[in-house]
N, C-alpha and C. Protein backbone atom coordinates (compact mmCIF):
# COMPACT_ATOMS: atom_id res chain seq x y z
N MET A 1 -33.70 42.72 29.68
CA MET A 1 -33.07 43.97 30.06
C MET A 1 -31.61 43.91 29.64
N ILE A 2 -31.14 44.97 29.06
CA ILE A 2 -29.75 45.05 28.61
C ILE A 2 -29.11 46.25 29.30
N LEU A 3 -27.96 46.03 29.90
CA LEU A 3 -27.20 47.09 30.55
C LEU A 3 -25.73 46.85 30.25
N ASP A 4 -25.03 47.87 29.78
CA ASP A 4 -23.60 47.74 29.52
C ASP A 4 -22.85 47.41 30.80
N ALA A 5 -21.89 46.51 30.69
CA ALA A 5 -21.13 46.07 31.85
C ALA A 5 -20.14 47.12 32.35
N ASP A 6 -19.90 48.18 31.58
CA ASP A 6 -18.93 49.19 32.00
C ASP A 6 -19.50 50.16 33.04
N LEU A 7 -20.76 50.01 33.37
CA LEU A 7 -21.44 50.81 34.39
C LEU A 7 -21.48 52.30 34.08
N THR A 8 -21.52 52.66 32.80
CA THR A 8 -21.67 54.06 32.43
C THR A 8 -23.11 54.53 32.69
N VAL A 9 -24.02 53.58 32.77
CA VAL A 9 -25.40 53.86 33.19
C VAL A 9 -25.61 53.07 34.48
N PRO A 10 -26.07 53.72 35.54
CA PRO A 10 -26.23 53.01 36.81
C PRO A 10 -27.29 51.91 36.73
N PRO A 11 -27.02 50.74 37.26
CA PRO A 11 -28.01 49.65 37.25
C PRO A 11 -29.33 50.04 37.90
N GLU A 12 -29.30 50.98 38.81
CA GLU A 12 -30.53 51.43 39.47
C GLU A 12 -31.53 52.02 38.48
N ASP A 13 -31.06 52.48 37.33
CA ASP A 13 -31.95 53.04 36.30
C ASP A 13 -32.84 52.00 35.65
N LEU A 14 -32.47 50.73 35.77
CA LEU A 14 -33.27 49.68 35.13
C LEU A 14 -34.70 49.63 35.64
N GLN A 15 -34.93 50.04 36.87
CA GLN A 15 -36.30 50.05 37.41
C GLN A 15 -37.20 50.96 36.58
N ARG A 16 -36.69 52.14 36.21
CA ARG A 16 -37.49 53.07 35.37
C ARG A 16 -37.77 52.46 34.00
N PHE A 17 -36.78 51.74 33.45
CA PHE A 17 -36.96 51.08 32.15
C PHE A 17 -38.04 50.01 32.25
N TYR A 18 -37.96 49.22 33.32
CA TYR A 18 -38.93 48.15 33.52
C TYR A 18 -40.34 48.73 33.66
N GLU A 19 -40.48 49.78 34.45
CA GLU A 19 -41.80 50.41 34.65
C GLU A 19 -42.36 50.96 33.34
N THR A 20 -41.51 51.56 32.53
CA THR A 20 -41.95 52.08 31.22
C THR A 20 -42.44 50.94 30.35
N TRP A 21 -41.73 49.83 30.35
CA TRP A 21 -42.13 48.66 29.57
C TRP A 21 -43.39 48.02 30.15
N ARG A 22 -43.41 47.81 31.48
CA ARG A 22 -44.51 47.12 32.15
C ARG A 22 -45.84 47.87 31.99
N THR A 23 -45.80 49.19 32.02
CA THR A 23 -47.03 49.97 31.92
C THR A 23 -47.47 50.19 30.48
N GLY A 24 -46.72 49.64 29.51
CA GLY A 24 -47.12 49.74 28.12
C GLY A 24 -46.75 51.04 27.43
N LYS A 25 -45.96 51.86 28.07
CA LYS A 25 -45.53 53.11 27.43
C LYS A 25 -44.55 52.85 26.31
N GLY A 26 -43.97 51.67 26.31
CA GLY A 26 -43.07 51.25 25.24
C GLY A 26 -42.92 49.75 25.25
N GLU A 27 -42.92 49.16 24.04
CA GLU A 27 -42.65 47.72 23.92
C GLU A 27 -41.15 47.49 23.78
N PHE A 28 -40.45 48.53 23.35
CA PHE A 28 -39.00 48.54 23.23
C PHE A 28 -38.54 49.84 23.87
N VAL A 29 -37.93 49.75 25.04
CA VAL A 29 -37.52 50.95 25.77
C VAL A 29 -36.02 51.14 25.52
N ASN A 30 -35.69 52.29 24.97
CA ASN A 30 -34.34 52.58 24.51
C ASN A 30 -33.73 53.72 25.32
N GLY A 31 -32.55 53.49 25.88
CA GLY A 31 -31.87 54.52 26.65
C GLY A 31 -31.35 55.65 25.77
N VAL A 32 -31.36 56.84 26.33
CA VAL A 32 -30.86 58.03 25.64
C VAL A 32 -29.84 58.72 26.53
N ARG A 33 -28.59 58.77 26.06
CA ARG A 33 -27.50 59.38 26.82
C ARG A 33 -27.33 60.85 26.51
N LEU A 34 -28.00 61.36 25.51
CA LEU A 34 -27.69 62.69 24.97
C LEU A 34 -28.61 63.78 25.47
N VAL A 35 -29.33 63.55 26.56
CA VAL A 35 -30.26 64.54 27.09
C VAL A 35 -29.63 65.33 28.24
N TYR A 36 -29.20 64.62 29.27
CA TYR A 36 -28.61 65.26 30.44
C TYR A 36 -27.13 65.57 30.19
N PRO A 37 -26.58 66.53 30.90
CA PRO A 37 -25.13 66.78 30.80
C PRO A 37 -24.36 65.53 31.23
N MET A 38 -23.26 65.27 30.54
CA MET A 38 -22.42 64.10 30.84
C MET A 38 -21.17 64.53 31.59
N GLN A 39 -20.57 63.58 32.27
CA GLN A 39 -19.27 63.83 32.85
C GLN A 39 -18.29 64.11 31.72
N ASP A 40 -17.23 64.85 32.00
CA ASP A 40 -16.29 65.31 30.96
C ASP A 40 -15.75 64.19 30.08
N ARG A 41 -15.38 63.05 30.64
CA ARG A 41 -14.75 62.00 29.85
C ARG A 41 -15.70 60.84 29.55
N ALA A 42 -17.01 61.08 29.66
CA ALA A 42 -17.98 60.01 29.43
C ALA A 42 -18.05 59.62 27.94
N MET A 43 -17.97 60.61 27.05
CA MET A 43 -18.06 60.33 25.62
C MET A 43 -17.16 61.29 24.86
N ARG A 44 -16.35 60.75 23.97
CA ARG A 44 -15.46 61.59 23.17
C ARG A 44 -16.27 62.41 22.15
N PHE A 45 -15.70 63.53 21.74
CA PHE A 45 -16.41 64.49 20.88
C PHE A 45 -16.90 63.85 19.58
N PHE A 46 -16.05 63.11 18.87
CA PHE A 46 -16.47 62.53 17.59
C PHE A 46 -17.49 61.41 17.79
N ASN A 47 -17.43 60.73 18.92
CA ASN A 47 -18.46 59.74 19.23
C ASN A 47 -19.80 60.45 19.44
N PHE A 48 -19.75 61.58 20.14
CA PHE A 48 -20.96 62.38 20.36
C PHE A 48 -21.58 62.81 19.03
N LEU A 49 -20.73 63.34 18.13
CA LEU A 49 -21.23 63.76 16.81
C LEU A 49 -21.81 62.59 16.03
N GLY A 50 -21.12 61.44 16.07
CA GLY A 50 -21.62 60.25 15.40
C GLY A 50 -22.96 59.81 15.95
N ASN A 51 -23.12 59.85 17.26
CA ASN A 51 -24.40 59.49 17.88
C ASN A 51 -25.51 60.44 17.44
N LYS A 52 -25.22 61.72 17.37
CA LYS A 52 -26.21 62.70 16.90
C LYS A 52 -26.60 62.40 15.44
N PHE A 53 -25.60 62.14 14.60
CA PHE A 53 -25.87 61.82 13.20
C PHE A 53 -26.77 60.59 13.07
N PHE A 54 -26.41 59.51 13.78
CA PHE A 54 -27.20 58.29 13.67
C PHE A 54 -28.60 58.47 14.23
N SER A 55 -28.77 59.30 15.25
CA SER A 55 -30.13 59.52 15.76
C SER A 55 -30.99 60.25 14.72
N LEU A 56 -30.41 61.20 14.01
CA LEU A 56 -31.15 61.88 12.93
C LEU A 56 -31.46 60.92 11.78
N ALA A 57 -30.48 60.10 11.41
CA ALA A 57 -30.68 59.14 10.32
C ALA A 57 -31.78 58.14 10.67
N PHE A 58 -31.76 57.62 11.88
CA PHE A 58 -32.78 56.65 12.31
C PHE A 58 -34.15 57.29 12.38
N SER A 59 -34.22 58.51 12.90
CA SER A 59 -35.52 59.19 12.99
C SER A 59 -36.13 59.34 11.60
N TRP A 60 -35.32 59.69 10.62
CA TRP A 60 -35.80 59.81 9.25
C TRP A 60 -36.17 58.44 8.68
N LEU A 61 -35.29 57.47 8.86
CA LEU A 61 -35.54 56.13 8.31
C LEU A 61 -36.78 55.48 8.90
N LEU A 62 -36.96 55.57 10.20
CA LEU A 62 -38.03 54.85 10.88
C LEU A 62 -39.31 55.66 10.99
N GLY A 63 -39.24 56.95 10.68
CA GLY A 63 -40.44 57.77 10.75
C GLY A 63 -40.89 58.04 12.18
N GLN A 64 -40.01 57.91 13.12
CA GLN A 64 -40.29 58.23 14.51
C GLN A 64 -39.00 58.67 15.18
N SER A 65 -39.14 59.43 16.24
CA SER A 65 -37.97 59.97 16.91
C SER A 65 -37.20 58.87 17.64
N VAL A 66 -35.91 58.78 17.34
CA VAL A 66 -34.99 57.91 18.07
C VAL A 66 -33.81 58.81 18.45
N LYS A 67 -33.70 59.12 19.73
CA LYS A 67 -32.73 60.12 20.16
C LYS A 67 -31.33 59.59 20.40
N ASP A 68 -31.17 58.27 20.54
CA ASP A 68 -29.84 57.69 20.76
C ASP A 68 -29.88 56.25 20.28
N THR A 69 -29.10 55.94 19.28
CA THR A 69 -29.14 54.60 18.68
C THR A 69 -28.13 53.64 19.30
N LEU A 70 -27.18 54.15 20.05
CA LEU A 70 -26.10 53.29 20.54
C LEU A 70 -25.99 53.19 22.06
N CYS A 71 -27.01 53.63 22.77
CA CYS A 71 -27.02 53.44 24.22
C CYS A 71 -27.28 51.97 24.49
N GLY A 72 -26.48 51.37 25.34
CA GLY A 72 -26.59 49.94 25.60
C GLY A 72 -27.72 49.55 26.53
N THR A 73 -28.43 50.52 27.11
CA THR A 73 -29.50 50.20 28.04
C THR A 73 -30.82 50.12 27.27
N LYS A 74 -31.41 48.90 27.30
CA LYS A 74 -32.64 48.64 26.56
C LYS A 74 -33.48 47.61 27.30
N VAL A 75 -34.80 47.66 27.10
CA VAL A 75 -35.70 46.65 27.66
C VAL A 75 -36.73 46.29 26.60
N LEU A 76 -36.93 44.98 26.43
CA LEU A 76 -37.97 44.45 25.56
C LEU A 76 -38.32 43.05 26.06
N SER A 77 -39.45 42.55 25.61
CA SER A 77 -39.85 41.21 26.06
C SER A 77 -38.99 40.15 25.40
N LYS A 78 -38.93 39.00 26.03
CA LYS A 78 -38.19 37.87 25.47
C LYS A 78 -38.79 37.49 24.11
N GLN A 79 -40.10 37.50 24.02
CA GLN A 79 -40.78 37.14 22.77
C GLN A 79 -40.36 38.09 21.64
N HIS A 80 -40.35 39.39 21.91
CA HIS A 80 -39.96 40.36 20.89
C HIS A 80 -38.48 40.21 20.54
N TYR A 81 -37.64 39.97 21.55
CA TYR A 81 -36.22 39.77 21.27
C TYR A 81 -36.01 38.57 20.35
N GLU A 82 -36.66 37.47 20.65
CA GLU A 82 -36.50 36.25 19.84
C GLU A 82 -37.03 36.46 18.43
N MET A 83 -38.10 37.22 18.28
CA MET A 83 -38.65 37.51 16.96
C MET A 83 -37.64 38.34 16.13
N ILE A 84 -37.06 39.34 16.76
CA ILE A 84 -36.07 40.18 16.08
C ILE A 84 -34.83 39.35 15.74
N ALA A 85 -34.34 38.57 16.71
CA ALA A 85 -33.13 37.77 16.50
C ALA A 85 -33.32 36.74 15.38
N ALA A 86 -34.50 36.16 15.28
CA ALA A 86 -34.76 35.14 14.26
C ALA A 86 -34.73 35.73 12.84
N ASN A 87 -34.92 37.03 12.74
CA ASN A 87 -34.94 37.69 11.43
C ASN A 87 -33.82 38.70 11.27
N ARG A 88 -32.75 38.49 12.00
CA ARG A 88 -31.61 39.41 12.00
C ARG A 88 -31.04 39.65 10.61
N SER A 89 -31.02 38.65 9.79
CA SER A 89 -30.39 38.77 8.47
C SER A 89 -31.14 39.72 7.53
N TYR A 90 -32.37 40.08 7.86
CA TYR A 90 -33.15 40.98 7.00
C TYR A 90 -32.43 42.30 6.76
N PHE A 91 -31.82 42.84 7.79
CA PHE A 91 -31.08 44.10 7.67
C PHE A 91 -29.58 43.89 7.56
N GLY A 92 -29.14 42.66 7.58
CA GLY A 92 -27.72 42.35 7.53
C GLY A 92 -27.23 41.94 8.90
N ASP A 93 -26.65 40.81 8.98
CA ASP A 93 -26.21 40.26 10.27
C ASP A 93 -24.76 40.64 10.52
N PHE A 94 -24.50 41.97 10.61
CA PHE A 94 -23.12 42.41 10.82
C PHE A 94 -23.02 43.59 11.77
N ASP A 95 -24.03 43.81 12.58
CA ASP A 95 -24.00 44.88 13.57
C ASP A 95 -23.01 44.51 14.67
N PRO A 96 -21.94 45.30 14.86
CA PRO A 96 -20.92 44.92 15.84
C PRO A 96 -21.39 45.02 17.30
N PHE A 97 -22.45 45.77 17.55
CA PHE A 97 -22.90 46.00 18.93
C PHE A 97 -24.30 45.47 19.21
N GLY A 98 -25.11 45.31 18.18
CA GLY A 98 -26.47 44.81 18.36
C GLY A 98 -27.52 45.89 18.49
N ASP A 99 -27.13 47.14 18.70
CA ASP A 99 -28.10 48.21 18.91
C ASP A 99 -28.92 48.49 17.66
N PHE A 100 -28.25 48.62 16.51
CA PHE A 100 -28.96 48.91 15.27
C PHE A 100 -29.88 47.75 14.91
N ASP A 101 -29.37 46.56 15.08
CA ASP A 101 -30.13 45.36 14.79
C ASP A 101 -31.44 45.35 15.59
N LEU A 102 -31.37 45.65 16.86
CA LEU A 102 -32.56 45.66 17.71
C LEU A 102 -33.52 46.79 17.33
N LEU A 103 -32.98 47.98 17.08
CA LEU A 103 -33.85 49.10 16.71
C LEU A 103 -34.53 48.89 15.36
N PHE A 104 -33.77 48.44 14.36
CA PHE A 104 -34.38 48.17 13.06
C PHE A 104 -35.43 47.07 13.18
N GLY A 105 -35.11 46.03 13.93
CA GLY A 105 -36.07 44.94 14.13
C GLY A 105 -37.32 45.41 14.84
N ALA A 106 -37.17 46.23 15.87
CA ALA A 106 -38.33 46.75 16.60
C ALA A 106 -39.21 47.57 15.66
N ALA A 107 -38.59 48.37 14.81
CA ALA A 107 -39.37 49.17 13.85
C ALA A 107 -40.04 48.28 12.81
N LYS A 108 -39.34 47.27 12.35
CA LYS A 108 -39.91 46.35 11.34
C LYS A 108 -41.18 45.70 11.87
N TYR A 109 -41.20 45.35 13.15
CA TYR A 109 -42.36 44.70 13.75
C TYR A 109 -43.31 45.67 14.42
N ASN A 110 -43.13 46.95 14.11
CA ASN A 110 -44.02 48.01 14.61
C ASN A 110 -44.15 48.03 16.12
N LEU A 111 -43.05 47.73 16.81
CA LEU A 111 -43.07 47.83 18.26
C LEU A 111 -43.06 49.31 18.64
N LYS A 112 -43.74 49.62 19.71
CA LYS A 112 -43.76 50.99 20.21
C LYS A 112 -42.41 51.26 20.89
N ILE A 113 -41.60 52.12 20.27
CA ILE A 113 -40.27 52.45 20.79
C ILE A 113 -40.41 53.68 21.69
N ALA A 114 -39.94 53.54 22.92
CA ALA A 114 -39.96 54.65 23.87
C ALA A 114 -38.53 54.99 24.26
N ASP A 115 -38.16 56.25 24.06
CA ASP A 115 -36.85 56.73 24.50
C ASP A 115 -36.93 57.12 25.97
N LEU A 116 -35.92 56.74 26.73
CA LEU A 116 -35.88 57.07 28.16
C LEU A 116 -34.49 57.61 28.50
N PRO A 117 -34.41 58.88 28.93
CA PRO A 117 -33.11 59.48 29.24
C PRO A 117 -32.41 58.79 30.40
N VAL A 118 -31.10 58.70 30.30
CA VAL A 118 -30.25 58.17 31.37
C VAL A 118 -29.15 59.19 31.65
N ARG A 119 -28.62 59.11 32.83
CA ARG A 119 -27.44 59.92 33.17
C ARG A 119 -26.22 59.08 32.84
N TYR A 120 -25.48 59.54 31.85
CA TYR A 120 -24.34 58.79 31.34
C TYR A 120 -23.08 59.25 32.03
N ARG A 121 -22.35 58.30 32.59
CA ARG A 121 -21.16 58.62 33.37
C ARG A 121 -19.90 58.10 32.69
N GLU A 122 -18.80 58.58 33.16
CA GLU A 122 -17.51 58.04 32.72
C GLU A 122 -17.43 56.58 33.14
N ARG A 123 -16.87 55.74 32.26
CA ARG A 123 -16.78 54.31 32.56
C ARG A 123 -15.96 54.08 33.82
N THR A 124 -16.46 53.15 34.63
CA THR A 124 -15.76 52.82 35.87
C THR A 124 -15.12 51.45 35.80
N TYR A 125 -15.34 50.77 34.67
CA TYR A 125 -14.83 49.41 34.56
C TYR A 125 -14.41 49.14 33.13
N GLY A 126 -13.25 48.58 32.92
CA GLY A 126 -12.80 48.15 31.59
C GLY A 126 -12.44 49.29 30.66
N THR A 127 -12.19 48.91 29.40
CA THR A 127 -11.87 49.88 28.35
C THR A 127 -12.85 49.68 27.20
N THR A 128 -12.99 50.68 26.39
CA THR A 128 -13.96 50.63 25.30
C THR A 128 -13.54 49.61 24.23
N ASN A 129 -14.53 48.96 23.65
CA ASN A 129 -14.31 48.05 22.52
C ASN A 129 -14.62 48.74 21.20
N ILE A 130 -15.02 49.99 21.27
CA ILE A 130 -15.42 50.73 20.08
C ILE A 130 -14.19 51.24 19.35
N GLN A 131 -14.11 50.92 18.07
CA GLN A 131 -13.10 51.49 17.18
C GLN A 131 -13.85 52.53 16.35
N ARG A 132 -13.74 53.76 16.77
CA ARG A 132 -14.57 54.85 16.27
C ARG A 132 -14.74 54.86 14.75
N TRP A 133 -13.68 54.85 14.00
CA TRP A 133 -13.78 55.00 12.54
C TRP A 133 -14.16 53.68 11.88
N THR A 134 -13.55 52.59 12.27
CA THR A 134 -13.87 51.29 11.67
C THR A 134 -15.32 50.92 11.92
N HIS A 135 -15.75 51.02 13.15
CA HIS A 135 -17.14 50.68 13.47
C HIS A 135 -18.10 51.72 12.89
N GLY A 136 -17.68 52.98 12.84
CA GLY A 136 -18.52 54.02 12.24
C GLY A 136 -18.86 53.71 10.79
N TRP A 137 -17.86 53.28 10.01
CA TRP A 137 -18.11 52.93 8.61
C TRP A 137 -19.02 51.70 8.50
N LEU A 138 -18.81 50.75 9.38
CA LEU A 138 -19.66 49.55 9.39
C LEU A 138 -21.11 49.91 9.72
N LEU A 139 -21.30 50.80 10.68
CA LEU A 139 -22.64 51.24 11.03
C LEU A 139 -23.29 52.04 9.90
N LEU A 140 -22.49 52.84 9.20
CA LEU A 140 -23.02 53.55 8.02
C LEU A 140 -23.49 52.56 6.95
N ARG A 141 -22.73 51.50 6.76
CA ARG A 141 -23.11 50.45 5.81
C ARG A 141 -24.45 49.80 6.22
N MET A 142 -24.61 49.59 7.51
CA MET A 142 -25.86 49.00 7.98
C MET A 142 -27.04 49.96 7.76
N VAL A 143 -26.83 51.25 7.99
CA VAL A 143 -27.87 52.24 7.73
C VAL A 143 -28.25 52.25 6.25
N ALA A 144 -27.24 52.18 5.37
CA ALA A 144 -27.51 52.14 3.93
C ALA A 144 -28.33 50.90 3.56
N GLN A 145 -27.97 49.77 4.12
CA GLN A 145 -28.72 48.54 3.82
C GLN A 145 -30.15 48.64 4.35
N ALA A 146 -30.31 49.19 5.54
CA ALA A 146 -31.65 49.36 6.11
C ALA A 146 -32.46 50.35 5.28
N MET A 147 -31.80 51.40 4.77
CA MET A 147 -32.49 52.37 3.93
C MET A 147 -33.06 51.68 2.69
N ALA A 148 -32.29 50.78 2.11
CA ALA A 148 -32.78 50.04 0.94
C ALA A 148 -33.98 49.18 1.30
N ARG A 149 -34.01 48.63 2.49
CA ARG A 149 -35.12 47.77 2.94
C ARG A 149 -36.35 48.55 3.38
N ILE A 150 -36.12 49.75 3.95
CA ILE A 150 -37.23 50.50 4.53
C ILE A 150 -37.77 51.56 3.56
N LYS A 151 -36.90 52.36 3.00
CA LYS A 151 -37.34 53.50 2.18
C LYS A 151 -37.51 53.18 0.70
N PHE A 152 -36.78 52.18 0.21
CA PHE A 152 -36.78 51.93 -1.24
C PHE A 152 -37.32 50.55 -1.58
N VAL A 153 -38.31 50.10 -0.82
CA VAL A 153 -38.90 48.77 -1.05
C VAL A 153 -39.98 48.88 -2.10
């Protein structure tokens, strides 16, 4: 189970993620912040647009709907995590957050990805480590590399 330490997603939501995974509705349960209304300062406008762009790009690349690629709340088995981590270099070992790496790996191994909406709140702890433009370009580079591996093989 993965939950961001900034508490933008309440830890109580992990029970729903676990149940989705445990009942087999998803082998990789991915949080989605973009469904419910957010608090005013939960996500900056350009971050929101970037998240929308990456969700469309991933849906096209992976051939399945992925509504949020950068939500830090995720659940998968230890076995699946270790399998993905052992082959991280396949898509490039330069994901600054690990979200793309996990999603691409889950798709590569044909894991059933289930999106699960969360209520995303303004951070209550710490400051963001995201450098919007620098990390955005790096994530675009990772998408391009994955496109070469997935669509142009």
